[in-house]
Amino acid sequence: MFDTAKNPFEYQKPSDQNIYNITNVRDACKQLHEVLQANVPQGYYLDLAITKLEETSMWANKAIVFDD
């Protein structure tokens, strides 16, 4: 559950476990980015896919830190 005591506009220092989890998510997103770049034609839809992947990484990181 979302920790409402944490201010979403202030820096939240990640714990060591959070850093481990964030690194795993980042590595998976990097791998998918490489797969997309290698297999999807350049253009609008690839740009959208990469943007959504960036959003996925951002929201996953926030979830990791906030739902600690």
C-alpha atoms as a PDB file:
ATOM      1  CA  MET A   1       0.000   0.000   0.000  1.00  0.00           C
ATOM      2  CA  PHE A   2       1.185   3.513  -0.786  1.00  0.00           C
ATOM      3  CA  ASP A   3       2.779   5.197   2.218  1.00  0.00           C
ATOM      4  CA  THR A   4       0.783   8.433   2.541  1.00  0.00           C
ATOM      5  CA  ALA A   5       3.191   9.700   5.204  1.00  0.00           C
ATOM      6  CA  LYS A   6       5.880  10.176   2.541  1.00  0.00           C
ATOM      7  CA  ASN A   7       5.780  13.394   0.544  1.00  0.00           C
ATOM      8  CA  PRO A   8       5.889  12.481  -3.171  1.00  0.00           C
ATOM      9  CA  PHE A   9       7.689  15.749  -3.963  1.00  0.00           C
ATOM     10  CA  GLU A  10      10.586  15.249  -1.588  1.00  0.00           C
ATOM     11  CA  TYR A  11      13.615  13.046  -2.030  1.00  0.00           C
ATOM     12  CA  GLN A  12      13.117   9.562  -0.620  1.00  0.00           C
ATOM     13  CA  LYS A  13      16.416   7.912   0.221  1.00  0.00           C
ATOM     14  CA  PRO A  14      16.304   4.309  -0.975  1.00  0.00           C
ATOM     15  CA  SER A  15      17.396   1.535   1.356  1.00  0.00           C
ATOM     16  CA  ASP A  16      20.048  -0.968   0.291  1.00  0.00           C
ATOM     17  CA  GLN A  17      17.267  -3.417  -0.648  1.00  0.00           C
ATOM     18  CA  ASN A  18      15.534  -0.660  -2.643  1.00  0.00           C
ATOM     19  CA  ILE A  19      18.758   0.010  -4.556  1.00  0.00           C
ATOM     20  CA  TYR A  20      19.091  -3.695  -5.341  1.00  0.00           C
ATOM     21  CA  ASN A  21      15.496  -3.832  -6.610  1.00  0.00           C
ATOM     22  CA  ILE A  22      15.834  -0.602  -8.602  1.00  0.00           C
ATOM     23  CA  THR A  23      18.993  -1.942 -10.244  1.00  0.00           C
ATOM     24  CA  ASN A  24      17.191  -5.146 -11.244  1.00  0.00           C
ATOM     25  CA  VAL A  25      14.302  -3.195 -12.771  1.00  0.00           C
ATOM     26  CA  ARG A  26      16.698  -0.835 -14.561  1.00  0.00           C
ATOM     27  CA  ASP A  27      18.681  -3.756 -15.992  1.00  0.00           C
ATOM     28  CA  ALA A  28      15.488  -5.408 -17.262  1.00  0.00           C
ATOM     29  CA  CYS A  29      14.339  -2.136 -18.857  1.00  0.00           C
ATOM     30  CA  LYS A  30      17.742  -1.669 -20.503  1.00  0.00           C
ATOM     31  CA  GLN A  31      17.512  -5.185 -21.929  1.00  0.00           C
ATOM     32  CA  LEU A  32      14.007  -4.577 -23.295  1.00  0.00           C
ATOM     33  CA  HIS A  33      15.183  -1.245 -24.748  1.00  0.00           C
ATOM     34  CA  GLU A  34      17.908  -3.091 -26.657  1.00  0.00           C
ATOM     35  CA  VAL A  35      15.374  -5.667 -27.920  1.00  0.00           C
ATOM     36  CA  LEU A  36      13.038  -2.908 -29.072  1.00  0.00           C
ATOM     37  CA  GLN A  37      15.836  -1.029 -30.840  1.00  0.00           C
ATOM     38  CA  ALA A  38      16.959  -4.204 -32.609  1.00  0.00           C
ATOM     39  CA  ASN A  39      13.530  -5.470 -33.659  1.00  0.00           C
ATOM     40  CA  VAL A  40      11.131  -2.572 -34.098  1.00  0.00           C
ATOM     41  CA  PRO A  41      11.307  -0.172 -37.046  1.00  0.00           C
ATOM     42  CA  GLN A  42      12.347   3.392 -36.244  1.00  0.00           C
ATOM     43  CA  GLY A  43       9.453   5.777 -36.026  1.00  0.00           C
ATOM     44  CA  TYR A  44       6.567   7.081 -34.033  1.00  0.00           C
ATOM     45  CA  TYR A  45       5.495   3.756 -32.491  1.00  0.00           C
ATOM     46  CA  LEU A  46       9.002   2.817 -31.386  1.00  0.00           C
ATOM     47  CA  ASP A  47       9.333   6.271 -29.855  1.00  0.00           C
ATOM     48  CA  LEU A  48       6.075   5.688 -27.963  1.00  0.00           C
ATOM     49  CA  ALA A  49       7.214   2.252 -26.800  1.00  0.00           C
ATOM     50  CA  ILE A  50      10.484   3.661 -25.494  1.00  0.00           C
ATOM     51  CA  THR A  51       8.689   6.541 -23.773  1.00  0.00           C
ATOM     52  CA  LYS A  52       6.340   4.093 -22.053  1.00  0.00           C
ATOM     53  CA  LEU A  53       9.315   1.946 -21.051  1.00  0.00           C
ATOM     54  CA  GLU A  54      10.909   5.016 -19.464  1.00  0.00           C
ATOM     55  CA  GLU A  55       7.647   5.674 -17.630  1.00  0.00           C
ATOM     56  CA  THR A  56       7.542   2.053 -16.497  1.00  0.00           C
ATOM     57  CA  SER A  57      11.021   2.353 -15.039  1.00  0.00           C
ATOM     58  CA  MET A  58      10.178   5.630 -13.288  1.00  0.00           C
ATOM     59  CA  TRP A  59       6.916   4.383 -11.742  1.00  0.00           C
ATOM     60  CA  ALA A  60       8.496   1.078 -10.725  1.00  0.00           C
ATOM     61  CA  ASN A  61      11.290   2.949  -8.936  1.00  0.00           C
ATOM     62  CA  LYS A  62       8.780   5.155  -7.161  1.00  0.00           C
ATOM     63  CA  ALA A  63       6.780   2.098  -6.130  1.00  0.00           C
ATOM     64  CA  ILE A  64       9.897   0.405  -4.791  1.00  0.00           C
ATOM     65  CA  VAL A  65      10.830   3.387  -2.620  1.00  0.00           C
ATOM     66  CA  PHE A  66       7.324   4.388  -1.514  1.00  0.00           C
ATOM     67  CA  ASP A  67       6.006   0.901  -0.796  1.00  0.00           C
ATOM     68  CA  ASP A  68       9.060  -0.098   1.232  1.00  0.00           C
END
